[in-house]
Amino acid sequence: MMAKTIQKTIDAARAYEKRVYDGISRRFWWEYVKPAVHSRDTNCVRCGGTENLDVHHKNYSDTLTLNDLELLCRSCHKTGHTRKDTANGDDENG
């Protein structure tokens, strides 16, 4: 139920003219989206870690849904970006 309400709010925020962070205001991101992902996943979805958790976009597209986000520890988050950057021919800092 909460996920549907948050998704409706995400959709409304994306329609809002002030696009700051991927179409969503920073305030909305910090107050609603991040806590919803933390509440749903509770730990790193890859290794089960419980410290230094980041919300990660699985895909970068024009749409943002809670299904496009996952909770990762910083180590898994960094590894995921390094793998993606390397696959694209970029260096680790890319």
Protein backbone atom coordinates (compact mmCIF):
# COMPACT_ATOMS: atom_id res chain seq x y z
CA MET A 1 0.00 0.00 0.00
CA MET A 2 2.74 2.45 0.98
CA ALA A 3 4.68 1.62 -2.21
CA LYS A 4 1.67 2.53 -4.39
CA THR A 5 1.22 5.85 -2.57
CA ILE A 6 4.90 6.67 -2.90
CA GLN A 7 4.86 5.67 -6.58
CA LYS A 8 1.94 8.04 -7.21
CA THR A 9 3.86 10.80 -5.47
CA ILE A 10 6.98 10.01 -7.52
CA ASP A 11 4.91 10.28 -10.69
CA ALA A 12 3.45 13.60 -9.55
CA ALA A 13 6.89 14.91 -8.61
CA ARG A 14 8.27 13.98 -12.04
CA ALA A 15 5.56 16.09 -13.62
CA TYR A 16 6.59 19.05 -11.51
CA GLU A 17 8.53 21.65 -13.49
CA LYS A 18 11.47 22.03 -11.10
CA ARG A 19 13.54 19.00 -11.99
CA VAL A 20 16.48 18.70 -9.65
CA TYR A 21 17.44 15.07 -9.17
CA ASP A 22 16.39 12.76 -12.00
CA GLY A 23 13.10 14.62 -12.23
CA ILE A 24 12.47 14.56 -8.48
CA SER A 25 13.23 17.34 -6.03
CA ARG A 26 16.04 16.61 -3.60
CA ARG A 27 13.70 17.16 -0.67
CA PHE A 28 11.25 14.55 -1.97
CA TRP A 29 14.10 12.11 -2.62
CA TRP A 30 15.50 12.43 0.91
CA GLU A 31 12.14 12.48 2.72
CA TYR A 32 10.20 9.79 0.84
CA VAL A 33 12.03 7.76 -1.77
CA LYS A 34 15.19 6.82 0.16
CA PRO A 35 13.30 5.88 3.33
CA ALA A 36 10.87 3.74 1.30
CA VAL A 37 13.74 1.77 -0.25
CA HIS A 38 15.47 1.39 3.14
CA SER A 39 12.19 0.20 4.65
CA ARG A 40 11.58 -2.32 1.86
CA ASP A 41 15.08 -3.80 1.52
CA THR A 42 16.49 -3.28 5.08
CA ASN A 43 19.96 -4.56 4.07
CA CYS A 44 22.21 -4.91 1.03
CA VAL A 45 20.30 -6.98 -1.53
CA ARG A 46 23.56 -8.48 -2.85
CA CYS A 47 25.63 -9.40 0.23
CA GLY A 48 23.21 -8.86 3.14
CA GLY A 49 25.37 -6.14 4.69
CA THR A 50 23.73 -3.75 7.14
CA GLU A 51 26.16 -0.80 7.29
CA ASN A 52 26.88 2.10 4.92
CA LEU A 53 23.82 1.45 2.75
CA ASP A 54 23.12 3.43 -0.44
CA VAL A 55 20.05 3.53 -2.67
CA HIS A 56 21.16 2.40 -6.14
CA HIS A 57 19.43 2.87 -9.50
CA LYS A 58 19.32 -0.45 -11.34
CA ASN A 59 18.74 1.36 -14.65
CA TYR A 60 18.96 4.97 -15.62
CA SER A 61 15.91 5.74 -17.71
CA ASP A 62 13.23 8.38 -18.12
CA THR A 63 11.04 6.63 -15.59
CA LEU A 64 11.75 6.06 -11.93
CA THR A 65 9.85 3.46 -9.95
CA LEU A 66 10.63 1.79 -6.66
CA ASN A 67 11.36 -1.36 -8.69
CA ASP A 68 14.23 0.54 -10.36
CA LEU A 69 15.89 1.10 -6.97
CA GLU A 70 17.69 -1.25 -4.61
CA LEU A 71 19.65 -0.97 -1.40
CA LEU A 72 23.37 -1.78 -1.63
CA CYS A 73 26.25 -1.49 0.81
CA ARG A 74 28.95 0.90 -0.38
CA SER A 75 31.25 -1.97 -1.35
CA CYS A 76 28.64 -3.65 -3.60
CA HIS A 77 27.53 -0.26 -4.93
CA LYS A 78 31.08 0.64 -5.93
CA THR A 79 31.67 -2.82 -7.43
CA GLY A 80 28.48 -2.54 -9.49
CA HIS A 81 29.46 0.82 -10.91
CA THR A 82 33.02 -0.32 -11.59
CA ARG A 83 31.72 -3.37 -13.50
CA LYS A 84 29.31 -1.21 -15.51
CA ASP A 85 31.98 1.43 -16.25
CA THR A 86 34.52 -1.23 -17.27
CA ALA A 87 31.98 -2.90 -19.55
CA ASN A 88 31.41 0.47 -21.24
CA GLY A 89 35.14 0.95 -21.78
CA ASP A 90 35.46 3.61 -19.08
CA ASP A 91 37.93 3.56 -16.25
CA GLU A 92 36.89 3.07 -12.63
CA ASN A 93 36.57 6.81 -12.06
CA GLY A 94 34.21 7.27 -15.02
